C-alpha atoms as a PDB file:
ATOM      1  CA  UNK A   1       0.000   0.000   0.000  1.00  0.00           C
ATOM      2  CA  UNK A   2       1.301   3.469  -0.938  1.00  0.00           C
ATOM      3  CA  UNK A   3       2.244   5.625   2.107  1.00  0.00           C
ATOM      4  CA  UNK A   4      -0.271   8.351   1.247  1.00  0.00           C
ATOM      5  CA  UNK A   5      -3.125   5.846   0.851  1.00  0.00           C
ATOM      6  CA  UNK A   6      -2.074   4.079   4.059  1.00  0.00           C
ATOM      7  CA  UNK A   7      -2.225   7.426   5.868  1.00  0.00           C
ATOM      8  CA  UNK A   8      -5.747   8.081   4.581  1.00  0.00           C
ATOM      9  CA  UNK A   9      -6.969   4.638   5.647  1.00  0.00           C
ATOM     10  CA  UNK A  10      -5.433   4.970   9.106  1.00  0.00           C
ATOM     11  CA  UNK A  11      -6.880   8.452   9.527  1.00  0.00           C
ATOM     12  CA  UNK A  12     -10.345   7.319   8.481  1.00  0.00           C
ATOM     13  CA  UNK A  13     -10.126   4.408  10.887  1.00  0.00           C
ATOM     14  CA  UNK A  14      -9.095   6.692  13.713  1.00  0.00           C
ATOM     15  CA  UNK A  15     -12.039   9.012  13.012  1.00  0.00           C
ATOM     16  CA  UNK A  16     -14.455   6.064  13.005  1.00  0.00           C
ATOM     17  CA  UNK A  17     -13.067   4.755  16.292  1.00  0.00           C
ATOM     18  CA  UNK A  18     -13.260   8.216  17.830  1.00  0.00           C
ATOM     19  CA  UNK A  19     -16.868   8.620  16.702  1.00  0.00           C
ATOM     20  CA  UNK A  20     -17.791   5.222  18.124  1.00  0.00           C
ATOM     21  CA  UNK A  21     -16.097   6.090  21.387  1.00  0.00           C
ATOM     22  CA  UNK A  22     -17.963   9.407  21.521  1.00  0.00           C
ATOM     23  CA  UNK A  23     -21.284   7.626  21.018  1.00  0.00           C
ATOM     24  CA  UNK A  24     -20.401   5.085  23.716  1.00  0.00           C
ATOM     25  CA  UNK A  25     -19.341   7.823  26.088  1.00  0.00           C
ATOM     26  CA  UNK A  26     -22.535   9.807  25.486  1.00  0.00           C
ATOM     27  CA  UNK A  27     -24.600   6.694  26.188  1.00  0.00           C
ATOM     28  CA  UNK A  28     -22.656   5.896  29.358  1.00  0.00           C
ATOM     29  CA  UNK A  29     -23.006   9.413  30.742  1.00  0.00           C
ATOM     30  CA  UNK A  30     -26.449  10.148  29.285  1.00  0.00           C
ATOM     31  CA  UNK A  31     -28.192  12.310  30.194  1.00  0.00           C
ATOM     32  CA  UNK A  32     -25.633  14.912  31.208  1.00  0.00           C
ATOM     33  CA  UNK A  33     -28.099  17.833  31.018  1.00  0.00           C
ATOM     34  CA  UNK A  34     -31.858  18.487  31.251  1.00  0.00           C
ATOM     35  CA  UNK A  35     -33.944  16.702  28.606  1.00  0.00           C
ATOM     36  CA  UNK A  36     -36.353  18.729  26.484  1.00  0.00           C
ATOM     37  CA  UNK A  37     -39.632  16.926  25.701  1.00  0.00           C
ATOM     38  CA  UNK A  38     -41.472  18.786  22.931  1.00  0.00           C
ATOM     39  CA  UNK A  39     -45.262  18.414  22.866  1.00  0.00           C
ATOM     40  CA  UNK A  40     -47.352  19.088  19.734  1.00  0.00           C
ATOM     41  CA  UNK A  41     -50.236  20.422  21.850  1.00  0.00           C
ATOM     42  CA  UNK A  42     -50.786  23.236  24.331  1.00  0.00           C
ATOM     43  CA  UNK A  43     -50.177  23.263  28.066  1.00  0.00           C
ATOM     44  CA  UNK A  44     -52.735  22.058  30.554  1.00  0.00           C
ATOM     45  CA  UNK A  45     -54.522  19.476  28.394  1.00  0.00           C
ATOM     46  CA  UNK A  46     -54.721  15.696  28.555  1.00  0.00           C
ATOM     47  CA  UNK A  47     -51.545  15.212  26.491  1.00  0.00           C
ATOM     48  CA  UNK A  48     -49.604  17.587  28.731  1.00  0.00           C
ATOM     49  CA  UNK A  49     -50.826  15.693  31.780  1.00  0.00           C
ATOM     50  CA  UNK A  50     -49.903  12.309  30.285  1.00  0.00           C
ATOM     51  CA  UNK A  51     -46.404  13.516  29.401  1.00  0.00           C
ATOM     52  CA  UNK A  52     -45.778  14.757  32.937  1.00  0.00           C
ATOM     53  CA  UNK A  53     -47.124  11.630  34.641  1.00  0.00           C
ATOM     54  CA  UNK A  54     -45.115   9.226  32.474  1.00  0.00           C
ATOM     55  CA  UNK A  55     -41.923  11.307  32.579  1.00  0.00           C
ATOM     56  CA  UNK A  56     -41.846  11.988  36.318  1.00  0.00           C
ATOM     57  CA  UNK A  57     -40.148   8.723  37.348  1.00  0.00           C
ATOM     58  CA  UNK A  58     -37.744   9.048  34.389  1.00  0.00           C
ATOM     59  CA  UNK A  59     -36.577  12.372  35.772  1.00  0.00           C
ATOM     60  CA  UNK A  60     -35.928  10.737  39.127  1.00  0.00           C
ATOM     61  CA  UNK A  61     -34.058   7.813  37.591  1.00  0.00           C
ATOM     62  CA  UNK A  62     -31.836  10.001  35.417  1.00  0.00           C
ATOM     63  CA  UNK A  63     -31.301  12.718  37.989  1.00  0.00           C
ATOM     64  CA  UNK A  64     -32.054  15.315  35.330  1.00  0.00           C
ATOM     65  CA  UNK A  65     -35.231  17.351  34.801  1.00  0.00           C
ATOM     66  CA  UNK A  66     -37.435  16.680  31.777  1.00  0.00           C
ATOM     67  CA  UNK A  67     -38.523  20.112  30.584  1.00  0.00           C
ATOM     68  CA  UNK A  68     -41.875  20.146  28.802  1.00  0.00           C
ATOM     69  CA  UNK A  69     -41.969  22.510  25.811  1.00  0.00           C
ATOM     70  CA  UNK A  70     -45.411  23.008  24.268  1.00  0.00           C
ATOM     71  CA  UNK A  71     -45.411  23.795  20.534  1.00  0.00           C
ATOM     72  CA  UNK A  72     -48.968  23.398  19.221  1.00  0.00           C
ATOM     73  CA  UNK A  73     -50.017  24.014  15.634  1.00  0.00           C
ATOM     74  CA  UNK A  74     -49.935  22.696  12.071  1.00  0.00           C
ATOM     75  CA  UNK A  75     -51.064  19.195  13.003  1.00  0.00           C
ATOM     76  CA  UNK A  76     -48.029  18.630  15.187  1.00  0.00           C
ATOM     77  CA  UNK A  77     -45.554  19.480  12.442  1.00  0.00           C
ATOM     78  CA  UNK A  78     -44.152  22.512  14.294  1.00  0.00           C
ATOM     79  CA  UNK A  79     -43.116  20.407  17.265  1.00  0.00           C
ATOM     80  CA  UNK A  80     -41.902  17.585  15.046  1.00  0.00           C
ATOM     81  CA  UNK A  81     -39.685  19.892  12.985  1.00  0.00           C
ATOM     82  CA  UNK A  82     -37.953  21.175  16.127  1.00  0.00           C
ATOM     83  CA  UNK A  83     -37.040  17.657  17.222  1.00  0.00           C
ATOM     84  CA  UNK A  84     -36.192  16.307  13.763  1.00  0.00           C
ATOM     85  CA  UNK A  85     -33.683  19.108  13.258  1.00  0.00           C
ATOM     86  CA  UNK A  86     -32.120  18.957  16.741  1.00  0.00           C
ATOM     87  CA  UNK A  87     -28.856  17.272  17.706  1.00  0.00           C
ATOM     88  CA  UNK A  88     -29.341  13.456  17.817  1.00  0.00           C
ATOM     89  CA  UNK A  89     -28.004  13.085  21.350  1.00  0.00           C
ATOM     90  CA  UNK A  90     -31.176  12.221  23.259  1.00  0.00           C
ATOM     91  CA  UNK A  91     -31.434  15.659  24.852  1.00  0.00           C
ATOM     92  CA  UNK A  92     -34.419  16.707  22.693  1.00  0.00           C
ATOM     93  CA  UNK A  93     -37.361  14.321  22.335  1.00  0.00           C
ATOM     94  CA  UNK A  94     -40.811  14.418  20.774  1.00  0.00           C
ATOM     95  CA  UNK A  95     -43.969  13.387  22.579  1.00  0.00           C
ATOM     96  CA  UNK A  96     -45.287  11.769  19.418  1.00  0.00           C
ATOM     97  CA  UNK A  97     -48.957  11.081  18.838  1.00  0.00           C
ATOM     98  CA  UNK A  98     -51.559  10.021  16.302  1.00  0.00           C
ATOM     99  CA  UNK A  99     -51.347  13.342  14.458  1.00  0.00           C
ATOM    100  CA  UNK A 100     -47.547  13.570  14.205  1.00  0.00           C
ATOM    101  CA  UNK A 101     -46.957  10.030  12.955  1.00  0.00           C
ATOM    102  CA  UNK A 102     -50.191   8.445  11.690  1.00  0.00           C
ATOM    103  CA  UNK A 103     -51.689  11.473   9.917  1.00  0.00           C
ATOM    104  CA  UNK A 104     -48.854  13.828   8.928  1.00  0.00           C
ATOM    105  CA  UNK A 105     -47.175  11.428   6.447  1.00  0.00           C
ATOM    106  CA  UNK A 106     -50.347  11.482   4.314  1.00  0.00           C
ATOM    107  CA  UNK A 107     -51.854  14.893   5.073  1.00  0.00           C
ATOM    108  CA  UNK A 108     -48.734  17.051   4.604  1.00  0.00           C
ATOM    109  CA  UNK A 109     -46.619  16.851   1.449  1.00  0.00           C
ATOM    110  CA  UNK A 110     -44.234  19.818   1.751  1.00  0.00           C
ATOM    111  CA  UNK A 111     -42.641  19.408   5.176  1.00  0.00           C
ATOM    112  CA  UNK A 112     -39.050  20.362   5.970  1.00  0.00           C
ATOM    113  CA  UNK A 113     -38.539  16.890   7.471  1.00  0.00           C
ATOM    114  CA  UNK A 114     -39.681  13.307   6.929  1.00  0.00           C
ATOM    115  CA  UNK A 115     -42.184  12.366   9.666  1.00  0.00           C
ATOM    116  CA  UNK A 116     -41.061   8.729   9.558  1.00  0.00           C
ATOM    117  CA  UNK A 117     -37.425   8.615   8.443  1.00  0.00           C
ATOM    118  CA  UNK A 118     -36.277  11.524  10.620  1.00  0.00           C
ATOM    119  CA  UNK A 119     -37.338   9.878  13.888  1.00  0.00           C
ATOM    120  CA  UNK A 120     -36.394   6.847  15.933  1.00  0.00           C
ATOM    121  CA  UNK A 121     -39.248   5.517  18.085  1.00  0.00           C
ATOM    122  CA  UNK A 122     -38.435   5.054  21.789  1.00  0.00           C
ATOM    123  CA  UNK A 123     -41.645   3.629  23.232  1.00  0.00           C
ATOM    124  CA  UNK A 124     -45.394   3.659  22.674  1.00  0.00           C
ATOM    125  CA  UNK A 125     -46.634   4.905  26.029  1.00  0.00           C
ATOM    126  CA  UNK A 126     -50.415   4.507  25.999  1.00  0.00           C
ATOM    127  CA  UNK A 127     -53.588   4.607  23.949  1.00  0.00           C
ATOM    128  CA  UNK A 128     -57.159   5.602  24.663  1.00  0.00           C
ATOM    129  CA  UNK A 129     -60.374   4.773  22.789  1.00  0.00           C
ATOM    130  CA  UNK A 130     -63.199   7.190  22.024  1.00  0.00           C
ATOM    131  CA  UNK A 131     -66.826   7.473  23.026  1.00  0.00           C
ATOM    132  CA  UNK A 132     -69.431   7.992  20.297  1.00  0.00           C
ATOM    133  CA  UNK A 133     -71.308  10.885  21.882  1.00  0.00           C
ATOM    134  CA  UNK A 134     -74.618  12.567  21.107  1.00  0.00           C
ATOM    135  CA  UNK A 135     -76.652  15.291  22.724  1.00  0.00           C
ATOM    136  CA  UNK A 136     -79.408  13.653  24.823  1.00  0.00           C
ATOM    137  CA  UNK A 137     -82.044  15.980  23.327  1.00  0.00           C
ATOM    138  CA  UNK A 138     -81.455  14.326  19.951  1.00  0.00           C
ATOM    139  CA  UNK A 139     -83.557  11.418  21.211  1.00  0.00           C
ATOM    140  CA  UNK A 140     -81.124   8.773  19.937  1.00  0.00           C
ATOM    141  CA  UNK A 141     -80.252   6.044  22.430  1.00  0.00           C
ATOM    142  CA  UNK A 142     -78.245   3.460  20.467  1.00  0.00           C
ATOM    143  CA  UNK A 143     -75.609   3.395  17.749  1.00  0.00           C
ATOM    144  CA  UNK A 144     -78.038   1.561  15.464  1.00  0.00           C
ATOM    145  CA  UNK A 145     -80.542   4.401  15.896  1.00  0.00           C
ATOM    146  CA  UNK A 146     -77.839   6.959  15.066  1.00  0.00           C
ATOM    147  CA  UNK A 147     -76.903   5.131  11.871  1.00  0.00           C
ATOM    148  CA  UNK A 148     -80.546   4.708  10.867  1.00  0.00           C
ATOM    149  CA  UNK A 149     -81.317   8.394  11.473  1.00  0.00           C
ATOM    150  CA  UNK A 150     -78.206   9.530   9.575  1.00  0.00           C
ATOM    151  CA  UNK A 151     -79.086   7.355   6.587  1.00  0.00           C
ATOM    152  CA  UNK A 152     -82.631   8.728   6.483  1.00  0.00           C
ATOM    153  CA  UNK A 153     -81.417  12.314   6.944  1.00  0.00           C
ATOM    154  CA  UNK A 154     -78.152  12.656   4.982  1.00  0.00           C
ATOM    155  CA  UNK A 155     -76.192  15.811   5.744  1.00  0.00           C
ATOM    156  CA  UNK A 156     -78.508  16.939   8.562  1.00  0.00           C
ATOM    157  CA  UNK A 157     -76.333  15.875  11.489  1.00  0.00           C
ATOM    158  CA  UNK A 158     -73.209  17.850  12.365  1.00  0.00           C
ATOM    159  CA  UNK A 159     -70.221  16.224  14.028  1.00  0.00           C
ATOM    160  CA  UNK A 160     -67.597  18.145  15.978  1.00  0.00           C
ATOM    161  CA  UNK A 161     -63.860  17.526  16.025  1.00  0.00           C
ATOM    162  CA  UNK A 162     -60.760  18.888  17.742  1.00  0.00           C
ATOM    163  CA  UNK A 163     -59.354  20.001  14.385  1.00  0.00           C
ATOM    164  CA  UNK A 164     -58.670  18.663  10.912  1.00  0.00           C
ATOM    165  CA  UNK A 165     -56.639  15.453  11.064  1.00  0.00           C
ATOM    166  CA  UNK A 166     -57.070  14.969  14.806  1.00  0.00           C
ATOM    167  CA  UNK A 167     -57.882  11.443  15.993  1.00  0.00           C
ATOM    168  CA  UNK A 168     -61.328  12.702  16.988  1.00  0.00           C
ATOM    169  CA  UNK A 169     -61.916  13.962  13.442  1.00  0.00           C
ATOM    170  CA  UNK A 170     -60.666  10.853  11.671  1.00  0.00           C
ATOM    171  CA  UNK A 171     -62.576   8.544  14.016  1.00  0.00           C
ATOM    172  CA  UNK A 172     -65.774  10.179  12.762  1.00  0.00           C
ATOM    173  CA  UNK A 173     -64.614  10.072   9.134  1.00  0.00           C
ATOM    174  CA  UNK A 174     -63.876   6.365   9.567  1.00  0.00           C
ATOM    175  CA  UNK A 175     -67.347   5.908  11.070  1.00  0.00           C
ATOM    176  CA  UNK A 176     -68.910   7.650   8.064  1.00  0.00           C
ATOM    177  CA  UNK A 177     -67.153   5.215   5.720  1.00  0.00           C
ATOM    178  CA  UNK A 178     -67.934   2.088   7.733  1.00  0.00           C
ATOM    179  CA  UNK A 179     -71.560   3.003   8.450  1.00  0.00           C
ATOM    180  CA  UNK A 180     -72.237   4.540   5.037  1.00  0.00           C
ATOM    181  CA  UNK A 181     -73.613   7.800   6.409  1.00  0.00           C
ATOM    182  CA  UNK A 182     -73.238  11.508   5.577  1.00  0.00           C
ATOM    183  CA  UNK A 183     -72.345  13.770   8.521  1.00  0.00           C
ATOM    184  CA  UNK A 184     -71.176  17.395   8.279  1.00  0.00           C
ATOM    185  CA  UNK A 185     -67.812  18.216   9.858  1.00  0.00           C
ATOM    186  CA  UNK A 186     -67.547  21.181  12.242  1.00  0.00           C
ATOM    187  CA  UNK A 187     -63.883  21.573  13.324  1.00  0.00           C
ATOM    188  CA  UNK A 188     -62.821  23.223  16.593  1.00  0.00           C
ATOM    189  CA  UNK A 189     -59.381  24.153  17.902  1.00  0.00           C
ATOM    190  CA  UNK A 190     -59.619  21.625  20.759  1.00  0.00           C
ATOM    191  CA  UNK A 191     -62.042  19.175  22.336  1.00  0.00           C
ATOM    192  CA  UNK A 192     -63.139  21.548  25.135  1.00  0.00           C
ATOM    193  CA  UNK A 193     -65.192  23.969  22.975  1.00  0.00           C
ATOM    194  CA  UNK A 194     -66.469  21.041  20.910  1.00  0.00           C
ATOM    195  CA  UNK A 195     -67.827  19.403  24.069  1.00  0.00           C
ATOM    196  CA  UNK A 196     -69.475  22.653  25.157  1.00  0.00           C
ATOM    197  CA  UNK A 197     -71.228  23.030  21.817  1.00  0.00           C
ATOM    198  CA  UNK A 198     -72.333  19.384  21.904  1.00  0.00           C
ATOM    199  CA  UNK A 199     -73.817  19.910  25.351  1.00  0.00           C
ATOM    200  CA  UNK A 200     -75.528  23.077  24.104  1.00  0.00           C
ATOM    201  CA  UNK A 201     -76.930  21.234  21.086  1.00  0.00           C
ATOM    202  CA  UNK A 202     -75.145  23.315  18.455  1.00  0.00           C
ATOM    203  CA  UNK A 203     -73.612  20.078  17.104  1.00  0.00           C
ATOM    204  CA  UNK A 204     -75.133  16.643  17.452  1.00  0.00           C
ATOM    205  CA  UNK A 205     -72.299  14.061  17.320  1.00  0.00           C
ATOM    206  CA  UNK A 206     -68.764  13.947  18.675  1.00  0.00           C
ATOM    207  CA  UNK A 207     -66.105  11.241  19.021  1.00  0.00           C
ATOM    208  CA  UNK A 208     -64.077  12.151  22.128  1.00  0.00           C
ATOM    209  CA  UNK A 209     -61.500  10.592  24.443  1.00  0.00           C
ATOM    210  CA  UNK A 210     -62.920   8.622  27.339  1.00  0.00           C
ATOM    211  CA  UNK A 211     -61.046  10.672  29.946  1.00  0.00           C
ATOM    212  CA  UNK A 212     -62.497  14.035  28.907  1.00  0.00           C
ATOM    213  CA  UNK A 213     -66.009  12.874  27.994  1.00  0.00           C
ATOM    214  CA  UNK A 214     -66.777  10.531  30.897  1.00  0.00           C
ATOM    215  CA  UNK A 215     -67.594  13.201  33.536  1.00  0.00           C
ATOM    216  CA  UNK A 216     -70.181  14.747  31.187  1.00  0.00           C
ATOM    217  CA  UNK A 217     -71.670  11.332  30.433  1.00  0.00           C
ATOM    218  CA  UNK A 218     -71.905  10.502  34.128  1.00  0.00           C
ATOM    219  CA  UNK A 219     -73.561  13.858  34.775  1.00  0.00           C
ATOM    220  CA  UNK A 220     -76.192  13.103  32.122  1.00  0.00           C
ATOM    221  CA  UNK A 221     -75.160  16.038  29.937  1.00  0.00           C
ATOM    222  CA  UNK A 222     -74.106  13.721  27.109  1.00  0.00           C
ATOM    223  CA  UNK A 223     -75.061  10.243  25.970  1.00  0.00           C
ATOM    224  CA  UNK A 224     -72.350   7.734  25.039  1.00  0.00           C
ATOM    225  CA  UNK A 225     -73.720   5.300  22.476  1.00  0.00           C
ATOM    226  CA  UNK A 226     -70.596   3.131  22.200  1.00  0.00           C
ATOM    227  CA  UNK A 227     -66.867   2.943  22.829  1.00  0.00           C
ATOM    228  CA  UNK A 228     -64.439   2.433  19.939  1.00  0.00           C
ATOM    229  CA  UNK A 229     -62.168  -0.151  21.604  1.00  0.00           C
ATOM    230  CA  UNK A 230     -62.223  -3.922  21.193  1.00  0.00           C
ATOM    231  CA  UNK A 231     -63.561  -4.349  24.737  1.00  0.00           C
ATOM    232  CA  UNK A 232     -65.609  -2.329  27.198  1.00  0.00           C
ATOM    233  CA  UNK A 233     -63.940   0.164  29.495  1.00  0.00           C
ATOM    234  CA  UNK A 234     -63.762  -0.724  33.207  1.00  0.00           C
ATOM    235  CA  UNK A 235     -64.565   2.944  33.841  1.00  0.00           C
ATOM    236  CA  UNK A 236     -67.908   2.603  32.010  1.00  0.00           C
ATOM    237  CA  UNK A 237     -68.723  -1.116  31.651  1.00  0.00           C
ATOM    238  CA  UNK A 238     -72.341  -0.377  30.768  1.00  0.00           C
ATOM    239  CA  UNK A 239     -71.372   1.214  27.439  1.00  0.00           C
ATOM    240  CA  UNK A 240     -71.074  -1.323  24.584  1.00  0.00           C
ATOM    241  CA  UNK A 241     -68.277  -1.448  22.044  1.00  0.00           C
ATOM    242  CA  UNK A 242     -69.024  -0.283  18.516  1.00  0.00           C
ATOM    243  CA  UNK A 243     -68.845  -3.918  17.400  1.00  0.00           C
ATOM    244  CA  UNK A 244     -71.333  -4.982  20.080  1.00  0.00           C
ATOM    245  CA  UNK A 245     -73.574  -2.119  18.983  1.00  0.00           C
ATOM    246  CA  UNK A 246     -73.687  -3.557  15.462  1.00  0.00           C
ATOM    247  CA  UNK A 247     -70.820  -2.043  13.451  1.00  0.00           C
ATOM    248  CA  UNK A 248     -68.167  -4.721  12.990  1.00  0.00           C
ATOM    249  CA  UNK A 249     -64.412  -4.269  12.471  1.00  0.00           C
ATOM    250  CA  UNK A 250     -64.347  -0.773  13.881  1.00  0.00           C
ATOM    251  CA  UNK A 251     -61.695   0.393  16.337  1.00  0.00           C
ATOM    252  CA  UNK A 252     -60.145   3.824  16.860  1.00  0.00           C
ATOM    253  CA  UNK A 253     -57.684   5.090  19.439  1.00  0.00           C
ATOM    254  CA  UNK A 254     -55.712   8.157  20.274  1.00  0.00           C
ATOM    255  CA  UNK A 255     -52.152   7.199  21.179  1.00  0.00           C
ATOM    256  CA  UNK A 256     -48.952   8.746  22.502  1.00  0.00           C
ATOM    257  CA  UNK A 257     -45.282   7.817  22.606  1.00  0.00           C
ATOM    258  CA  UNK A 258     -41.744   9.136  22.766  1.00  0.00           C
ATOM    259  CA  UNK A 259     -39.518   9.543  19.711  1.00  0.00           C
ATOM    260  CA  UNK A 260     -35.990  10.877  19.184  1.00  0.00           C
ATOM    261  CA  UNK A 261     -34.099  12.236  16.157  1.00  0.00           C
ATOM    262  CA  UNK A 262     -33.283   9.411  13.740  1.00  0.00           C
ATOM    263  CA  UNK A 263     -29.508   9.371  14.259  1.00  0.00           C
ATOM    264  CA  UNK A 264     -29.675   9.141  18.054  1.00  0.00           C
ATOM    265  CA  UNK A 265     -27.237   6.393  19.156  1.00  0.00           C
ATOM    266  CA  UNK A 266     -28.956   3.011  19.725  1.00  0.00           C
ATOM    267  CA  UNK A 267     -27.529   2.808  23.243  1.00  0.00           C
ATOM    268  CA  UNK A 268     -29.232   6.094  24.151  1.00  0.00           C
ATOM    269  CA  UNK A 269     -32.529   4.882  22.659  1.00  0.00           C
ATOM    270  CA  UNK A 270     -32.205   1.681  24.712  1.00  0.00           C
ATOM    271  CA  UNK A 271     -31.504   3.653  27.883  1.00  0.00           C
ATOM    272  CA  UNK A 272     -34.523   5.895  27.311  1.00  0.00           C
ATOM    273  CA  UNK A 273     -36.748   2.939  26.514  1.00  0.00           C
ATOM    274  CA  UNK A 274     -35.735   1.074  29.663  1.00  0.00           C
ATOM    275  CA  UNK A 275     -36.403   4.132  31.831  1.00  0.00           C
ATOM    276  CA  UNK A 276     -39.851   4.828  30.358  1.00  0.00           C
ATOM    277  CA  UNK A 277     -40.927   1.177  30.413  1.00  0.00           C
ATOM    278  CA  UNK A 278     -39.892   0.911  34.059  1.00  0.00           C
ATOM    279  CA  UNK A 279     -41.866   4.056  34.862  1.00  0.00           C
ATOM    280  CA  UNK A 280     -44.982   2.930  32.983  1.00  0.00           C
ATOM    281  CA  UNK A 281     -44.992  -0.479  34.656  1.00  0.00           C
ATOM    282  CA  UNK A 282     -44.674   0.980  38.140  1.00  0.00           C
ATOM    283  CA  UNK A 283     -47.917   0.659  40.164  1.00  0.00           C
ATOM    284  CA  UNK A 284     -48.007   4.405  40.827  1.00  0.00           C
ATOM    285  CA  UNK A 285     -47.987   5.408  37.146  1.00  0.00           C
ATOM    286  CA  UNK A 286     -49.956   2.502  35.687  1.00  0.00           C
ATOM    287  CA  UNK A 287     -52.754   2.850  38.274  1.00  0.00           C
ATOM    288  CA  UNK A 288     -52.996   6.608  37.792  1.00  0.00           C
ATOM    289  CA  UNK A 289     -53.175   6.321  33.997  1.00  0.00           C
ATOM    290  CA  UNK A 290     -55.699   3.471  34.097  1.00  0.00           C
ATOM    291  CA  UNK A 291     -57.943   5.579  36.345  1.00  0.00           C
ATOM    292  CA  UNK A 292     -57.930   8.228  33.604  1.00  0.00           C
ATOM    293  CA  UNK A 293     -58.964   5.787  30.875  1.00  0.00           C
ATOM    294  CA  UNK A 294     -55.562   5.064  29.334  1.00  0.00           C
ATOM    295  CA  UNK A 295     -54.380   1.637  28.230  1.00  0.00           C
ATOM    296  CA  UNK A 296     -50.693   1.546  29.208  1.00  0.00           C
ATOM    297  CA  UNK A 297     -48.541  -0.123  26.526  1.00  0.00           C
ATOM    298  CA  UNK A 298     -44.803   0.449  27.253  1.00  0.00           C
ATOM    299  CA  UNK A 299     -43.523  -1.052  23.986  1.00  0.00           C
ATOM    300  CA  UNK A 300     -40.070  -1.702  22.615  1.00  0.00           C
ATOM    301  CA  UNK A 301     -38.741   0.697  19.952  1.00  0.00           C
ATOM    302  CA  UNK A 302     -39.277  -1.993  17.317  1.00  0.00           C
ATOM    303  CA  UNK A 303     -42.891  -2.567  18.366  1.00  0.00           C
ATOM    304  CA  UNK A 304     -43.579   1.167  18.270  1.00  0.00           C
ATOM    305  CA  UNK A 305     -42.038   1.447  14.804  1.00  0.00           C
ATOM    306  CA  UNK A 306     -44.232  -1.406  13.527  1.00  0.00           C
ATOM    307  CA  UNK A 307     -47.310   0.167  15.111  1.00  0.00           C
ATOM    308  CA  UNK A 308     -46.648   3.485  13.370  1.00  0.00           C
ATOM    309  CA  UNK A 309     -46.414   1.667  10.029  1.00  0.00           C
ATOM    310  CA  UNK A 310     -49.766  -0.036  10.608  1.00  0.00           C
ATOM    311  CA  UNK A 311     -51.413   3.233  11.632  1.00  0.00           C
ATOM    312  CA  UNK A 312     -50.193   5.039   8.524  1.00  0.00           C
ATOM    313  CA  UNK A 313     -51.526   2.232   6.334  1.00  0.00           C
ATOM    314  CA  UNK A 314     -54.894   2.267   8.131  1.00  0.00           C
ATOM    315  CA  UNK A 315     -55.514   6.000   8.051  1.00  0.00           C
ATOM    316  CA  UNK A 316     -54.079   6.988   4.667  1.00  0.00           C
ATOM    317  CA  UNK A 317     -57.174   5.791   2.727  1.00  0.00           C
ATOM    318  CA  UNK A 318     -59.476   7.464   5.266  1.00  0.00           C
ATOM    319  CA  UNK A 319     -57.665  10.787   4.830  1.00  0.00           C
ATOM    320  CA  UNK A 320     -57.834  10.458   1.038  1.00  0.00           C
ATOM    321  CA  UNK A 321     -61.492   9.412   1.062  1.00  0.00           C
ATOM    322  CA  UNK A 322     -62.347  12.452   3.190  1.00  0.00           C
ATOM    323  CA  UNK A 323     -60.423  14.623   0.673  1.00  0.00           C
ATOM    324  CA  UNK A 324     -58.558  16.329   3.486  1.00  0.00           C
ATOM    325  CA  UNK A 325     -55.941  19.009   3.183  1.00  0.00           C
ATOM    326  CA  UNK A 326     -54.098  20.900   5.965  1.00  0.00           C
ATOM    327  CA  UNK A 327     -56.425  23.871   5.478  1.00  0.00           C
ATOM    328  CA  UNK A 328     -59.885  22.305   5.228  1.00  0.00           C
END
């Protein structure tokens, strides 16, 4: 080998070894500073609460604070862009959800990042099904009655959502396809004003998370016709599943997880995963989340990655059938 070429090879090898050592060192000492967890929704809501509950024990284990940074807007793409473009050292993470990873790949076509390739899943934290809600004054008491009324009165029922592309919106769009009905979409900026208008009778139908809707159902302000999970909720065992109510092969969930920039070292991903899984399986966290209607999952990175792929495949045709765009 010529001396010059030998020098290049040795130099390249030294750089590779140094880089590997740097990655190993960062994993061994990780985290050496506060971790930023970027949320695609505003402060004070259910997602904010879930992030804080699940991350609390991780803070304690790592001895470093996990700083919640709320960046709502653009279907979660604002928050996602911040994390995708950050240093891949595990110090900036995304609190990923249905919108950022199941919807964005189909709904947005001109992003500054790739919503799949630019992230490495850490763990799928939890999911939560939806209630099919109606205003009691509508006089509809079962899902079958809702479908029958909607078929006889196409376009006369309005359904609320927490925004275009939200899980609450797409759950209703999926219902329209499966049930063969025509409902008119009325988007809101969040579920809170949508619930208020449903209670007031300004809209007639709403698919909402169990945790936020249940108090209004228990108070008699709203009627839950069905739940969109595969089994009944222990928090409301009297409410049938959509399948039990007559519409087969229908399940919808909101879900949340943690993701890191794609080039984050595998050892750091493994360390994060172990910490979150340990936290989620602790009686304190799992009991608290179950009491709020969440199904705790605590997956491996590989399981979360596979789940995201399945969700994209499931919802892409629904988004296209609804002819959605980021502005409608």
